[in-house]
């Protein structure tokens, strides 16, 4: 199971450093967008549960 980095893009889960421009059906073409605080929290919890 792949766990998304907590601060990865809000729309696609790709880390900021690797992002550039991406396509998703939700956001279309987009640049890296800061995740919501809830997304960060959920991703951190998922990573902690994995370890």
C-alpha atoms as a PDB file:
ATOM      1  CA  UNK A   1       0.000   0.000   0.000  1.00  0.00           C
ATOM      2  CA  UNK A   2       1.354   3.402  -0.978  1.00  0.00           C
ATOM      3  CA  UNK A   3       1.005   6.171   1.585  1.00  0.00           C
ATOM      4  CA  UNK A   4       0.910   9.713   0.183  1.00  0.00           C
ATOM      5  CA  UNK A   5       3.439  12.171   1.584  1.00  0.00           C
ATOM      6  CA  UNK A   6       1.577  14.448   4.049  1.00  0.00           C
ATOM      7  CA  UNK A   7       2.379  17.652   2.166  1.00  0.00           C
ATOM      8  CA  UNK A   8       1.821  16.267  -1.340  1.00  0.00           C
ATOM      9  CA  UNK A   9      -0.563  17.973  -3.765  1.00  0.00           C
ATOM     10  CA  UNK A  10      -4.165  18.373  -2.657  1.00  0.00           C
ATOM     11  CA  UNK A  11      -5.499  17.018  -5.951  1.00  0.00           C
ATOM     12  CA  UNK A  12      -3.186  14.203  -7.024  1.00  0.00           C
ATOM     13  CA  UNK A  13      -0.868  13.327  -4.118  1.00  0.00           C
ATOM     14  CA  UNK A  14       2.382  14.038  -5.984  1.00  0.00           C
ATOM     15  CA  UNK A  15       5.096  15.723  -3.851  1.00  0.00           C
ATOM     16  CA  UNK A  16       5.719  19.410  -4.622  1.00  0.00           C
ATOM     17  CA  UNK A  17       9.301  18.859  -5.755  1.00  0.00           C
ATOM     18  CA  UNK A  18       8.249  16.343  -8.437  1.00  0.00           C
ATOM     19  CA  UNK A  19       4.966  17.956  -9.444  1.00  0.00           C
ATOM     20  CA  UNK A  20       5.342  20.547 -12.208  1.00  0.00           C
ATOM     21  CA  UNK A  21       1.943  20.309 -13.981  1.00  0.00           C
ATOM     22  CA  UNK A  22      -0.440  17.354 -13.708  1.00  0.00           C
ATOM     23  CA  UNK A  23      -3.889  16.288 -14.873  1.00  0.00           C
ATOM     24  CA  UNK A  24      -6.714  14.921 -12.733  1.00  0.00           C
ATOM     25  CA  UNK A  25     -10.390  14.665 -13.553  1.00  0.00           C
ATOM     26  CA  UNK A  26     -11.160  16.615 -10.361  1.00  0.00           C
ATOM     27  CA  UNK A  27      -8.826  19.555 -11.009  1.00  0.00           C
ATOM     28  CA  UNK A  28      -7.899  19.273 -14.703  1.00  0.00           C
ATOM     29  CA  UNK A  29      -4.429  20.622 -15.489  1.00  0.00           C
ATOM     30  CA  UNK A  30      -3.048  22.045 -12.276  1.00  0.00           C
ATOM     31  CA  UNK A  31       0.115  23.056 -10.488  1.00  0.00           C
ATOM     32  CA  UNK A  32       0.994  21.778  -7.028  1.00  0.00           C
ATOM     33  CA  UNK A  33      -1.669  22.929  -4.594  1.00  0.00           C
ATOM     34  CA  UNK A  34      -1.177  22.931  -0.842  1.00  0.00           C
ATOM     35  CA  UNK A  35      -3.182  20.141   0.803  1.00  0.00           C
ATOM     36  CA  UNK A  36      -5.868  20.959   3.338  1.00  0.00           C
ATOM     37  CA  UNK A  37      -5.053  20.602   7.011  1.00  0.00           C
ATOM     38  CA  UNK A  38      -7.432  17.626   7.116  1.00  0.00           C
ATOM     39  CA  UNK A  39      -5.594  15.922   4.240  1.00  0.00           C
ATOM     40  CA  UNK A  40      -2.256  16.434   6.008  1.00  0.00           C
ATOM     41  CA  UNK A  41      -3.671  15.019   9.235  1.00  0.00           C
ATOM     42  CA  UNK A  42      -5.233  12.008   7.468  1.00  0.00           C
ATOM     43  CA  UNK A  43      -2.021  11.264   5.561  1.00  0.00           C
ATOM     44  CA  UNK A  44       0.071  11.474   8.732  1.00  0.00           C
ATOM     45  CA  UNK A  45      -2.307   9.115  10.529  1.00  0.00           C
ATOM     46  CA  UNK A  46      -2.182   6.645   7.623  1.00  0.00           C
ATOM     47  CA  UNK A  47       1.617   6.706   7.683  1.00  0.00           C
ATOM     48  CA  UNK A  48       1.700   6.173  11.455  1.00  0.00           C
ATOM     49  CA  UNK A  49      -0.759   3.292  11.209  1.00  0.00           C
ATOM     50  CA  UNK A  50       1.418   1.635   8.556  1.00  0.00           C
ATOM     51  CA  UNK A  51       4.528   1.730  10.779  1.00  0.00           C
END
